[in-house]
Amino acid sequence: MIVIVLMNTYPLLVSEDLVFRSKYAALLSGAASINTAVTGLDELTEENVGAALTGVEPEGVSRAIVTDPYGRVLYDTREAGNATGYYVFYTELVSALQGSSAVYCVYKEGAFHSSAAQPVLYRNEIIGGVYVYEYDTQQASLLLTLQNNLMTISVGVAVLVLMLSLVFSRQITSRLANLLNAIRGVREGAYNQRAVITGHDEFTQIAGEFNDLVDRLQETEGARRQFVSDASHELKTPLAAIRLLTDSILQNENMEGETLREFVGDIGQEAERLSRITEDLLRLTRLDSGVIEAPSRVAVEAVLGRVEKMIRPVAEEKAVELITICPPGAAVIATEGEVHQILYNLMENAVKYNRRGGYVRVRVETGAETTALTVEDNGIGIPTGDLDNVFKRFYRVDKARSRAAGGTGLGLSIVSDTVSRRGGAIRAESLEPCGTRFTVTLPSREGEEDAP
């Protein structure tokens, strides 16, 4: 609209200004030619003015008037309505009789109306005035034609813009509607909803990003449902065992003391297992919420010593040799509890799923930017096909053996999440002929800004 308004105003204004300038020059030239013809007369009369202007025909002038100092017309070129003998007081003529030349031009009613006036002087005294007038429809017609052409072009441009706007708006609206329908479907829980938008523009990119986001949401929702199902199952198993044992005790009034103590011991073991599952679930919840303690530089040797003391009785009971190798200055950027959790889970698993007479070797190696914690055993091992899944929550290679060993299926998940949130990495490897190696890499420096 702004372009159309400018197109219909600016060219016309410029054209009018050019015409006005040409009219000013032409009228002043015409008035000067008449003024030159009567110059030298000491007094202006009808007779001497008529005689002086005989044969003078100024160009571009429709009417010429000569008056005396009082405004009485002495000469008028217009035949019909001749004003000779009458007094006229046109604005431009009044200015001329007062000693100033004046020019006026206006476009109205389809024509240019132009007028100019000059004083007639004799020995520096005003003895009359010259007034010229032009009524021009030819240039006005050209200007009107230009105006009509611009209007036609403007209407064509407006119609074209309107049609293109309708086409584009319908395309945009349909694409937005498609995207909104997909968003509403996902909001209602239909995670299989996808936005189908073809093309190579920004809408296609937005649809692609939306579909990727929905894919991730679908994966997350599937993982959440699986986690809830697995958690419910894991909690249900010890609860069912506790209920079965308590029902057995209550229904058997004459149960022997030894059997009763055995049942109560089993109830205690199941309660301890239930407590471990609950603690692991709470720990995973804290990790998922992103609320973690600020890290600091933790000496690995001291934490490894405490974990070794806790694991060694279990290792001795299973006749598993426990070997730890740690340089004195080894450190990682984490919290002491996290380092304890990582070492305890890995070492406990290595002992639990080992053979009698086997070994568990823990080695700590320091580098320029990282510290590696390696836990290696020669136990029952992990099949190669299961290595990528051992860090998933509630995943067990051998479910029966894991439950018999008291595992919850969450330890390696906790280790993996903890290491990942501290900017580290964890890797599991199968050893030949048997055994498993877990390698955890954690930063040993807080960053360049804190580095010495």
Protein backbone atom coordinates (compact mmCIF):
# COMPACT_ATOMS: atom_id res chain seq x y z
CA MET A 1 0.00 0.00 0.00
CA ILE A 2 2.83 2.42 0.77
CA VAL A 3 4.45 1.68 -2.59
CA ILE A 4 1.15 2.22 -4.42
CA VAL A 5 0.51 5.51 -2.61
CA LEU A 6 4.02 6.73 -3.42
CA MET A 7 3.67 5.61 -7.03
CA ASN A 8 0.45 7.62 -7.40
CA THR A 9 1.71 10.77 -5.71
CA TYR A 10 5.43 11.30 -6.12
CA PRO A 11 5.61 11.15 -9.97
CA LEU A 12 2.61 13.48 -10.26
CA LEU A 13 4.07 15.97 -7.82
CA VAL A 14 7.40 15.93 -9.64
CA SER A 15 5.67 16.35 -13.00
CA GLU A 16 3.57 19.25 -11.71
CA ASP A 17 6.65 20.91 -10.31
CA LEU A 18 8.44 20.62 -13.66
CA VAL A 19 5.42 22.08 -15.49
CA PHE A 20 5.16 24.92 -12.97
CA ARG A 21 8.83 25.77 -13.48
CA SER A 22 8.43 25.84 -17.25
CA LYS A 23 5.29 27.98 -16.92
CA TYR A 24 7.04 30.47 -14.68
CA ALA A 25 9.84 30.92 -17.21
CA ALA A 26 7.47 31.14 -20.20
CA LEU A 27 5.09 33.64 -18.58
CA LEU A 28 7.86 35.87 -17.33
CA SER A 29 9.36 35.82 -20.83
CA GLY A 30 6.00 36.72 -22.39
CA ALA A 31 5.41 39.53 -19.89
CA ALA A 32 8.94 40.83 -20.54
CA SER A 33 8.38 40.91 -24.32
CA ILE A 34 5.25 43.05 -23.86
CA ASN A 35 7.00 45.22 -21.31
CA THR A 36 9.89 45.76 -23.73
CA ALA A 37 7.46 46.85 -26.45
CA VAL A 38 5.95 49.64 -24.32
CA THR A 39 9.24 50.71 -22.74
CA GLY A 40 10.12 54.28 -23.61
CA LEU A 41 6.59 55.63 -23.43
CA ASP A 42 6.33 58.38 -20.85
CA GLU A 43 2.63 57.76 -20.42
CA LEU A 44 0.46 54.82 -21.28
CA THR A 45 -2.76 55.36 -23.24
CA GLU A 46 -5.00 53.08 -25.23
CA GLU A 47 -3.71 54.55 -28.50
CA ASN A 48 0.08 54.44 -27.92
CA VAL A 49 -0.07 51.04 -26.16
CA GLY A 50 -2.11 49.57 -29.03
CA ALA A 51 0.29 51.03 -31.55
CA ALA A 52 3.34 49.77 -29.64
CA LEU A 53 1.95 46.22 -29.36
CA THR A 54 0.89 45.95 -32.98
CA GLY A 55 2.43 42.74 -34.31
CA VAL A 56 3.68 41.62 -30.85
CA GLU A 57 2.44 38.10 -30.12
CA PRO A 58 4.18 36.60 -27.11
CA GLU A 59 4.42 32.78 -27.14
CA GLY A 60 2.68 30.65 -24.54
CA VAL A 61 0.26 33.39 -23.54
CA SER A 62 -3.51 33.03 -23.80
CA ARG A 63 -4.30 36.61 -22.76
CA ALA A 64 -2.28 39.80 -22.26
CA ILE A 65 -3.44 42.95 -20.41
CA VAL A 66 -1.75 46.35 -20.03
CA THR A 67 -3.08 48.81 -17.45
CA ASP A 68 -2.29 52.30 -16.28
CA PRO A 69 -0.93 52.92 -12.76
CA TYR A 70 -4.45 52.77 -11.35
CA GLY A 71 -5.39 49.40 -12.82
CA ARG A 72 -7.57 50.63 -15.69
CA VAL A 73 -7.21 48.32 -18.69
CA LEU A 74 -5.63 50.03 -21.71
CA TYR A 75 -5.01 46.92 -23.78
CA ASP A 76 -6.58 43.40 -23.75
CA THR A 77 -5.94 40.66 -26.27
CA ARG A 78 -9.09 38.72 -25.47
CA GLU A 79 -11.82 39.36 -27.97
CA ALA A 80 -14.84 38.04 -26.09
CA GLY A 81 -15.27 39.82 -22.80
CA ASN A 82 -12.63 42.43 -23.55
CA ALA A 83 -11.88 44.41 -20.39
CA THR A 84 -10.53 47.60 -22.04
CA GLY A 85 -11.66 50.62 -20.06
CA TYR A 86 -12.45 48.59 -16.95
CA TYR A 87 -10.45 48.38 -13.76
CA VAL A 88 -8.96 45.01 -12.83
CA PHE A 89 -7.30 44.08 -9.60
CA TYR A 90 -5.77 40.64 -10.06
CA THR A 91 -3.44 39.76 -7.22
CA GLU A 92 -0.40 39.50 -9.45
CA LEU A 93 -1.28 42.81 -11.15
CA VAL A 94 -1.68 44.59 -7.83
CA SER A 95 1.81 43.35 -6.83
CA ALA A 96 3.19 44.62 -10.15
CA LEU A 97 1.62 48.08 -9.72
CA GLN A 98 3.31 48.18 -6.32
CA GLY A 99 6.67 47.49 -7.96
CA SER A 100 7.11 43.70 -7.65
CA SER A 101 6.90 41.05 -10.33
CA ALA A 102 4.60 38.15 -9.49
CA VAL A 103 3.95 34.68 -10.93
CA TYR A 104 1.21 32.21 -10.06
CA CYS A 105 0.41 28.72 -11.42
CA VAL A 106 -2.13 26.10 -10.33
CA TYR A 107 -3.52 22.83 -11.69
CA LYS A 108 -7.27 22.50 -11.32
CA GLU A 109 -10.27 21.26 -13.23
CA GLY A 110 -8.08 19.42 -15.74
CA ALA A 111 -6.01 22.46 -16.81
CA PHE A 112 -2.99 24.54 -15.79
CA HIS A 113 -3.95 28.12 -14.87
CA SER A 114 -0.88 30.35 -15.01
CA SER A 115 -0.49 34.11 -14.64
CA ALA A 116 2.32 36.63 -14.27
CA ALA A 117 2.62 40.43 -13.94
CA GLN A 118 5.42 43.02 -14.21
CA PRO A 119 5.49 46.79 -13.60
CA VAL A 120 6.05 49.18 -16.53
CA LEU A 121 8.66 51.79 -15.56
CA TYR A 122 9.61 55.14 -17.01
CA ARG A 123 12.53 56.89 -15.34
CA ASN A 124 12.11 54.59 -12.33
CA GLU A 125 8.48 55.53 -11.94
CA ILE A 126 5.61 53.03 -12.31
CA ILE A 127 3.43 54.16 -15.21
CA GLY A 128 1.48 50.89 -15.59
CA GLY A 129 1.50 47.12 -15.43
CA VAL A 130 1.60 44.11 -17.72
CA TYR A 131 -0.48 41.02 -16.93
CA VAL A 132 -0.31 37.75 -18.90
CA TYR A 133 -2.42 34.62 -18.43
CA GLU A 134 -2.30 31.10 -19.85
CA TYR A 135 -4.91 28.36 -19.85
CA ASP A 136 -3.17 25.09 -20.81
CA THR A 137 -5.11 21.84 -21.25
CA GLN A 138 -2.53 20.04 -23.38
CA GLN A 139 0.06 19.47 -20.66
CA ALA A 140 -2.77 18.95 -18.19
CA SER A 141 -4.05 16.17 -20.45
CA LEU A 142 -0.58 14.58 -20.48
CA LEU A 143 -0.47 14.76 -16.70
CA LEU A 144 -3.96 13.28 -16.46
CA THR A 145 -2.93 10.46 -18.82
CA LEU A 146 0.09 9.77 -16.63
CA GLN A 147 -2.15 9.75 -13.60
CA ASN A 148 -4.58 7.31 -15.23
CA ASN A 149 -1.74 5.05 -16.34
CA LEU A 150 -0.30 5.02 -12.83
CA MET A 151 -3.74 4.26 -11.44
CA THR A 152 -4.18 1.37 -13.89
CA ILE A 153 -0.77 -0.01 -13.00
CA SER A 154 -1.56 0.40 -9.30
CA VAL A 155 -4.84 -1.48 -9.64
CA GLY A 156 -3.06 -4.26 -11.53
CA VAL A 157 -0.32 -4.44 -8.92
CA ALA A 158 -2.89 -4.43 -6.11
CA VAL A 159 -4.88 -7.25 -7.72
CA LEU A 160 -1.70 -9.26 -8.32
CA VAL A 161 -0.49 -8.70 -4.75
CA LEU A 162 -3.93 -9.65 -3.41
CA MET A 163 -3.99 -12.86 -5.43
CA LEU A 164 -0.44 -13.78 -4.40
CA SER A 165 -1.26 -12.92 -0.79
CA LEU A 166 -4.29 -15.20 -0.89
CA VAL A 167 -2.26 -18.04 -2.40
CA PHE A 168 0.62 -17.62 0.05
CA SER A 169 -1.68 -17.13 3.03
CA ARG A 170 -3.59 -20.31 2.19
CA GLN A 171 -0.34 -22.23 1.88
CA ILE A 172 0.97 -20.80 5.13
CA THR A 173 -2.37 -21.36 6.88
CA SER A 174 -2.57 -24.97 5.72
CA ARG A 175 1.00 -25.63 6.86
CA LEU A 176 0.37 -23.98 10.21
CA ALA A 177 -2.85 -25.94 10.59
CA ASN A 178 -0.97 -29.16 9.89
CA LEU A 179 1.67 -28.27 12.45
CA LEU A 180 -0.94 -27.19 15.04
CA ASN A 181 -2.91 -30.41 14.59
CA ALA A 182 0.27 -32.39 15.18
CA ILE A 183 1.06 -30.31 18.29
CA ARG A 184 -2.47 -30.80 19.65
CA GLY A 185 -2.23 -34.54 19.02
CA VAL A 186 1.05 -34.78 20.93
CA ARG A 187 -0.42 -32.65 23.71
CA GLU A 188 -3.24 -35.20 24.03
CA GLY A 189 -0.69 -37.99 24.34
CA ALA A 190 -0.59 -39.27 20.74
CA TYR A 191 3.18 -39.51 20.47
CA ASN A 192 2.88 -41.25 17.09
CA GLN A 193 1.59 -37.98 15.61
CA ARG A 194 3.89 -36.41 13.01
CA ALA A 195 3.79 -33.14 11.05
CA VAL A 196 3.88 -33.89 7.31
CA ILE A 197 5.08 -30.72 5.53
CA THR A 198 6.92 -30.88 2.22
CA GLY A 199 9.24 -28.30 0.75
CA HIS A 200 12.55 -26.69 1.57
CA ASP A 201 11.52 -23.62 3.56
CA GLU A 202 11.48 -22.73 7.26
CA PHE A 203 8.14 -24.50 7.84
CA THR A 204 9.70 -27.75 6.67
CA GLN A 205 12.62 -27.21 9.04
CA ILE A 206 10.24 -26.50 11.93
CA ALA A 207 8.25 -29.65 11.09
CA GLY A 208 11.47 -31.67 11.00
CA GLU A 209 12.57 -30.31 14.39
CA PHE A 210 9.09 -31.00 15.78
CA ASN A 211 9.14 -34.58 14.52
CA ASP A 212 12.61 -35.12 16.02
CA LEU A 213 11.34 -33.71 19.32
CA VAL A 214 8.31 -36.02 19.24
CA ASP A 215 10.61 -38.98 18.50
CA ARG A 216 12.63 -38.13 21.59
CA LEU A 217 9.45 -37.64 23.63
CA GLN A 218 8.16 -40.99 22.43
CA GLU A 219 11.42 -42.66 23.40
CA THR A 220 11.36 -40.91 26.77
CA GLU A 221 7.75 -41.87 27.38
CA GLY A 222 8.49 -45.47 26.42
CA ALA A 223 11.48 -45.50 28.75
CA ARG A 224 9.38 -43.96 31.53
CA ARG A 225 6.64 -46.55 31.17
CA GLN A 226 9.18 -49.33 31.05
CA PHE A 227 10.93 -47.90 34.10
CA VAL A 228 7.65 -47.69 36.04
CA SER A 229 6.78 -51.24 35.00
CA ASP A 230 10.20 -52.57 35.95
CA ALA A 231 10.24 -50.64 39.22
CA SER A 232 6.79 -51.94 40.12
CA HIS A 233 7.88 -55.48 39.32
CA GLU A 234 11.09 -55.15 41.34
CA LEU A 235 9.21 -53.78 44.33
CA LYS A 236 6.48 -56.34 43.97
CA THR A 237 8.86 -59.32 44.14
CA PRO A 238 10.27 -58.75 47.66
CA LEU A 239 6.86 -57.61 48.92
CA ALA A 240 5.29 -60.80 47.64
CA ALA A 241 8.04 -62.85 49.30
CA ILE A 242 7.57 -61.02 52.61
CA ARG A 243 3.81 -61.55 52.44
CA LEU A 244 4.22 -65.25 51.64
CA LEU A 245 6.64 -65.76 54.51
CA THR A 246 4.49 -63.88 57.02
CA ASP A 247 1.38 -65.81 55.91
CA SER A 248 3.29 -69.05 56.37
CA ILE A 249 4.29 -68.03 59.90
CA LEU A 250 0.76 -66.92 60.81
CA GLN A 251 -0.91 -70.03 59.41
CA ASN A 252 1.49 -72.47 61.10
CA GLU A 253 0.97 -72.16 64.86
CA ASN A 254 3.28 -75.06 65.70
CA MET A 255 6.28 -73.92 63.60
CA GLU A 256 9.61 -74.97 65.01
CA GLY A 257 11.91 -72.28 66.34
CA GLU A 258 14.67 -72.98 63.84
CA THR A 259 12.24 -72.77 60.91
CA LEU A 260 10.72 -69.62 62.35
CA ARG A 261 14.14 -67.99 62.66
CA GLU A 262 14.89 -69.00 59.06
CA PHE A 263 11.64 -67.43 57.84
CA VAL A 264 12.28 -64.25 59.81
CA GLY A 265 15.80 -64.11 58.41
CA ASP A 266 14.39 -64.44 54.88
CA ILE A 267 11.93 -61.64 55.66
CA GLY A 268 14.83 -59.49 56.81
CA GLN A 269 16.76 -60.20 53.61
CA GLU A 270 13.77 -59.29 51.46
CA ALA A 271 13.24 -56.12 53.50
CA GLU A 272 16.91 -55.23 53.04
CA ARG A 273 16.57 -55.86 49.31
CA LEU A 274 13.46 -53.68 49.22
CA SER A 275 15.38 -50.96 51.06
CA ARG A 276 18.23 -51.14 48.53
CA ILE A 277 15.81 -50.86 45.61
CA THR A 278 14.15 -47.85 47.23
CA GLU A 279 17.47 -46.14 47.88
CA ASP A 280 18.62 -46.76 44.30
CA LEU A 281 15.35 -45.41 42.92
CA LEU A 282 15.67 -42.28 45.03
CA ARG A 283 19.28 -41.87 43.89
CA LEU A 284 18.22 -42.17 40.23
CA THR A 285 15.42 -39.68 40.83
CA ARG A 286 17.89 -37.16 42.19
CA LEU A 287 20.15 -37.72 39.19
CA ASP A 288 17.24 -37.27 36.77
CA SER A 289 16.14 -34.07 38.48
CA GLY A 290 19.57 -32.54 37.84
CA VAL A 291 19.95 -31.51 41.48
CA ILE A 292 23.51 -32.57 42.27
CA GLU A 293 26.12 -31.31 44.67
CA ALA A 294 28.86 -28.97 43.53
CA PRO A 295 31.96 -30.98 42.58
CA SER A 296 35.35 -30.70 44.22
CA ARG A 297 38.73 -32.35 43.96
CA VAL A 298 38.42 -35.80 45.57
CA ALA A 299 41.43 -37.95 46.48
CA VAL A 300 40.69 -41.41 45.05
CA GLU A 301 43.12 -43.35 47.25
CA ALA A 302 41.28 -42.61 50.50
CA VAL A 303 37.85 -43.46 49.06
CA LEU A 304 39.19 -46.65 47.46
CA GLY A 305 40.64 -47.70 50.84
CA ARG A 306 37.25 -47.38 52.56
CA VAL A 307 35.44 -49.27 49.80
CA GLU A 308 38.04 -52.02 49.91
CA LYS A 309 37.46 -52.51 53.63
CA MET A 310 33.71 -52.88 53.00
CA ILE A 311 34.09 -55.29 50.06
CA ARG A 312 36.96 -57.43 51.39
CA PRO A 313 34.86 -59.55 53.82
CA VAL A 314 32.52 -60.51 50.96
CA ALA A 315 35.51 -61.24 48.72
CA GLU A 316 37.16 -63.43 51.39
CA GLU A 317 33.90 -65.30 51.90
CA LYS A 318 33.88 -66.18 48.18
CA ALA A 319 37.66 -66.75 48.08
CA VAL A 320 38.08 -63.89 45.59
CA GLU A 321 41.43 -62.10 45.62
CA LEU A 322 41.00 -58.30 45.84
CA ILE A 323 43.85 -56.23 44.36
CA THR A 324 43.95 -52.40 44.37
CA ILE A 325 46.56 -50.21 42.70
CA CYS A 326 46.30 -46.45 43.15
CA PRO A 327 49.00 -43.74 42.97
CA PRO A 328 49.00 -41.39 45.99
CA GLY A 329 48.13 -38.20 44.10
CA ALA A 330 45.21 -39.54 42.03
CA ALA A 331 42.16 -37.28 42.15
CA VAL A 332 38.92 -36.63 40.24
CA ILE A 333 36.44 -33.75 40.02
CA ALA A 334 33.24 -35.06 41.64
CA THR A 335 31.90 -35.55 45.16
CA GLU A 336 33.25 -38.06 47.63
CA GLY A 337 29.89 -39.83 47.74
CA GLU A 338 29.83 -40.20 43.97
CA VAL A 339 33.32 -41.69 43.83
CA HIS A 340 32.37 -44.07 46.66
CA GLN A 341 29.18 -45.08 44.82
CA ILE A 342 31.04 -45.72 41.55
CA LEU A 343 33.79 -47.83 43.12
CA TYR A 344 31.44 -49.71 45.44
CA ASN A 345 28.98 -50.71 42.69
CA LEU A 346 31.67 -51.84 40.28
CA MET A 347 33.71 -53.72 42.89
CA GLU A 348 30.64 -55.31 44.50
CA ASN A 349 29.41 -56.59 41.13
CA ALA A 350 32.88 -57.90 40.29
CA VAL A 351 32.94 -59.89 43.55
CA LYS A 352 29.30 -61.08 43.43
CA TYR A 353 29.47 -62.41 39.89
CA ASN A 354 32.87 -64.04 40.24
CA ARG A 355 34.03 -67.63 40.73
CA ARG A 356 35.65 -69.05 43.82
CA GLY A 357 39.36 -68.49 43.54
CA GLY A 358 38.94 -65.64 41.12
CA TYR A 359 40.34 -62.13 41.39
CA VAL A 360 39.16 -58.49 41.20
CA ARG A 361 41.79 -55.95 40.22
CA VAL A 362 41.19 -52.20 40.68
CA ARG A 363 43.67 -49.89 38.98
CA VAL A 364 43.73 -46.08 39.06
CA GLU A 365 45.73 -44.28 36.37
CA THR A 366 46.21 -40.52 36.16
CA GLY A 367 46.56 -38.43 33.01
CA ALA A 368 47.01 -34.75 32.13
CA GLU A 369 43.29 -33.95 32.18
CA THR A 370 41.54 -37.15 33.33
CA THR A 371 41.82 -40.04 35.77
CA ALA A 372 40.84 -43.59 34.77
CA LEU A 373 39.35 -46.09 37.26
CA THR A 374 39.51 -49.68 35.99
CA VAL A 375 37.74 -52.60 37.69
CA GLU A 376 38.66 -55.97 36.14
CA ASP A 377 37.68 -59.52 37.10
CA ASN A 378 37.87 -63.06 35.76
CA GLY A 379 34.34 -63.99 36.76
CA ILE A 380 31.38 -65.28 34.76
CA GLY A 381 31.67 -62.36 32.31
CA ILE A 382 29.08 -60.59 30.19
CA PRO A 383 28.10 -61.78 26.70
CA THR A 384 29.22 -59.40 23.98
CA GLY A 385 25.64 -58.84 22.85
CA ASP A 386 24.68 -57.56 26.31
CA LEU A 387 27.51 -55.05 26.77
CA ASP A 388 25.49 -52.18 25.29
CA ASN A 389 22.54 -52.89 27.59
CA VAL A 390 24.16 -53.39 30.98
CA PHE A 391 23.83 -49.67 31.81
CA LYS A 392 20.07 -49.67 31.22
CA ARG A 393 17.87 -49.55 34.28
CA PHE A 394 16.72 -52.93 35.63
CA TYR A 395 18.60 -54.76 32.89
CA ARG A 396 20.03 -58.11 33.97
CA VAL A 397 22.10 -60.51 31.92
CA ASP A 398 20.89 -63.44 34.06
CA LYS A 399 17.80 -62.44 36.01
CA ALA A 400 17.71 -65.49 38.26
CA ARG A 401 21.37 -65.20 39.24
CA SER A 402 21.09 -61.43 39.74
CA ARG A 403 18.20 -61.75 42.14
CA ALA A 404 19.93 -64.59 43.95
CA ALA A 405 22.95 -62.33 44.42
CA GLY A 406 20.73 -59.56 45.76
CA GLY A 407 21.14 -57.20 42.81
CA THR A 408 18.57 -54.54 41.98
CA GLY A 409 19.51 -53.97 38.33
CA LEU A 410 20.11 -50.29 39.05
CA GLY A 411 23.75 -50.15 40.18
CA LEU A 412 25.35 -49.79 36.75
CA SER A 413 22.66 -47.30 35.71
CA ILE A 414 23.51 -45.14 38.70
CA VAL A 415 27.21 -45.37 37.90
CA SER A 416 26.64 -44.48 34.24
CA ASP A 417 24.37 -41.50 35.02
CA THR A 418 26.74 -40.21 37.70
CA VAL A 419 29.78 -40.44 35.43
CA SER A 420 27.92 -38.79 32.52
CA ARG A 421 26.76 -35.84 34.64
CA ARG A 422 30.35 -35.21 35.76
CA GLY A 423 31.55 -35.07 32.16
CA GLY A 424 33.15 -38.50 32.22
CA ALA A 425 32.70 -41.77 30.32
CA ILE A 426 32.27 -45.44 31.18
CA ARG A 427 33.06 -48.48 29.04
CA ALA A 428 32.42 -52.21 29.52
CA GLU A 429 34.57 -54.91 27.88
CA SER A 430 34.51 -58.68 27.84
CA LEU A 431 37.83 -60.38 28.57
CA GLU A 432 39.15 -63.64 27.15
CA PRO A 433 38.72 -66.37 28.17
CA CYS A 434 36.39 -65.00 30.85
CA GLY A 435 35.79 -61.91 32.89
CA THR A 436 34.79 -58.29 32.48
CA ARG A 437 36.55 -54.94 32.58
CA PHE A 438 34.82 -51.64 33.44
CA THR A 439 36.74 -48.44 32.79
CA VAL A 440 35.52 -45.11 34.19
CA THR A 441 37.15 -41.87 33.05
CA LEU A 442 36.54 -38.69 35.06
CA PRO A 443 38.00 -35.16 34.78
CA SER A 444 40.89 -34.50 37.11
CA ARG A 445 40.91 -30.69 36.60
CA GLU A 446 38.04 -28.30 37.12
CA GLY A 447 38.76 -26.21 34.01
CA GLU A 448 41.25 -23.85 32.43
CA GLU A 449 40.07 -20.94 34.51
CA ASP A 450 40.82 -22.91 37.69
CA ALA A 451 43.91 -24.67 36.47
CA PRO A 452 47.26 -23.46 37.84
